[in-house]
Protein backbone atom coordinates (compact mmCIF):
# COMPACT_ATOMS: atom_id res chain seq x y z
CA MET A 1 7.98 -2.93 -13.07
CA TYR A 2 10.23 -4.32 -10.50
CA ARG A 3 12.77 -7.17 -10.54
CA ALA A 4 11.85 -10.23 -8.44
CA GLY A 5 12.74 -9.65 -4.86
CA HIS A 6 12.67 -5.92 -4.94
CA PRO A 7 11.35 -4.53 -1.58
CA ASP A 8 8.81 -2.21 -3.27
CA ILE A 9 6.83 -5.26 -4.40
CA ALA A 10 5.97 -5.98 -0.87
CA ARG A 11 5.17 -2.49 -0.04
CA HIS A 12 2.85 -2.18 -2.91
CA LEU A 13 1.04 -5.44 -2.16
CA ASP A 14 0.68 -4.39 1.55
CA PHE A 15 -0.69 -0.97 0.54
CA ARG A 16 -3.18 -2.63 -1.78
CA ASP A 17 -4.25 -5.30 0.79
CA TYR A 18 -4.49 -2.71 3.53
CA LEU A 19 -6.82 -0.48 1.56
CA ILE A 20 -8.94 -3.51 0.68
CA ALA A 21 -9.26 -4.39 4.32
CA HIS A 22 -9.82 -0.82 5.41
CA PRO A 23 -12.40 0.90 3.22
CA GLU A 24 -12.48 4.15 5.19
CA ASP A 25 -8.81 4.62 4.35
CA ALA A 26 -9.39 3.65 0.77
CA GLN A 27 -12.23 6.25 0.51
CA GLU A 28 -10.04 9.00 1.96
CA TYR A 29 -7.28 8.10 -0.52
CA SER A 30 -9.79 7.97 -3.44
CA ARG A 31 -11.22 11.42 -2.49
CA LEU A 32 -7.69 12.91 -2.26
CA LYS A 33 -6.92 11.56 -5.78
CA GLU A 34 -10.03 12.85 -7.24
CA ASP A 35 -9.46 16.24 -5.72
CA LEU A 36 -5.91 16.42 -6.85
CA ALA A 37 -6.93 15.27 -10.41
CA ARG A 38 -9.41 18.22 -10.55
CA ARG A 39 -6.96 20.64 -9.24
CA HIS A 40 -3.98 19.58 -11.38
CA PRO A 41 -5.37 18.07 -14.53
CA THR A 42 -2.27 18.73 -16.63
CA ASP A 43 0.41 18.73 -13.83
CA ALA A 44 1.36 15.14 -12.97
CA ALA A 45 4.17 16.29 -10.66
CA SER A 46 1.75 18.25 -8.47
CA TYR A 47 -0.75 15.40 -8.44
CA VAL A 48 1.91 12.91 -7.29
CA ALA A 49 3.35 15.37 -4.76
CA GLY A 50 -0.22 15.98 -3.29
CA LYS A 51 -0.54 12.27 -2.64
CA ASP A 52 2.83 11.87 -0.97
CA GLY A 53 1.86 12.72 2.59
CA LEU A 54 -1.08 10.41 2.73
CA ILE A 55 0.74 7.64 0.97
CA LYS A 56 3.44 7.73 3.68
CA VAL A 57 0.83 7.56 6.38
CA LEU A 58 -0.94 4.70 4.77
CA ASP A 59 2.33 2.79 3.94
CA ARG A 60 3.19 2.93 7.80
CA LYS A 61 -0.29 1.70 8.57
CA ALA A 62 -0.09 -1.04 5.96
CA LYS A 63 3.31 -2.20 7.26
CA ALA A 64 1.96 -2.45 10.80
CA TRP A 65 -1.23 -4.07 9.77
CA ARG A 66 0.67 -6.70 7.73
CA GLU A 67 3.01 -7.41 10.63
CA HIS A 68 -0.09 -7.79 12.92
CA VAL A 69 -1.92 -9.97 10.33
CA GLU A 70 1.21 -12.23 9.76
CA GLY A 71 1.79 -12.51 13.53
CA SER A 72 -1.77 -13.61 13.93
CA PHE A 73 -1.99 -16.16 11.23
CA THR A 74 1.37 -17.90 11.00
CA ASP A 75 0.88 -21.65 10.14
CA GLU A 76 2.67 -24.46 11.98
CA GLN A 77 4.77 -25.33 9.04
CA GLY A 78 6.24 -21.80 8.81
CA SER A 79 5.14 -21.36 5.08
CA LYS A 80 5.85 -18.09 3.50
CA SER A 81 3.23 -15.32 3.27
CA THR A 82 1.85 -14.09 -0.04
CA THR A 83 4.08 -11.04 0.26
CA GLU A 84 7.19 -13.09 0.92
CA GLN A 85 6.30 -15.44 -2.01
CA ALA A 86 5.95 -12.29 -4.34
CA MET A 87 9.29 -11.09 -3.20
CA GLY A 88 11.06 -14.31 -4.32
C-alpha cells in the first residue's frame, strides 16, 4: 500500500499498462517468473532478486512509453493523465 501521491503508484501503473500494450515483454516477464518460481519455490528473496534486472529494464521501457503516449495524446484542455490522477 502506498499513500496518495507516492511516486511508486505511477511506476506500478506504467509497468502494468506497458505490459498490457506489449504482450511480448509480458510473456518474457511471465516466463522469467515461472522459471524463478520453479527454481526457488521456498526462497522468496532469490525469486525477487531474480526478477530485479528485467524489472529495471521494463521500468525504463514503461517510463519512456508513457512519456511518448502522453506526448501523443494530450488534450486541448490539458487534463491530467490517469497516472497523474492516481498520484493525487
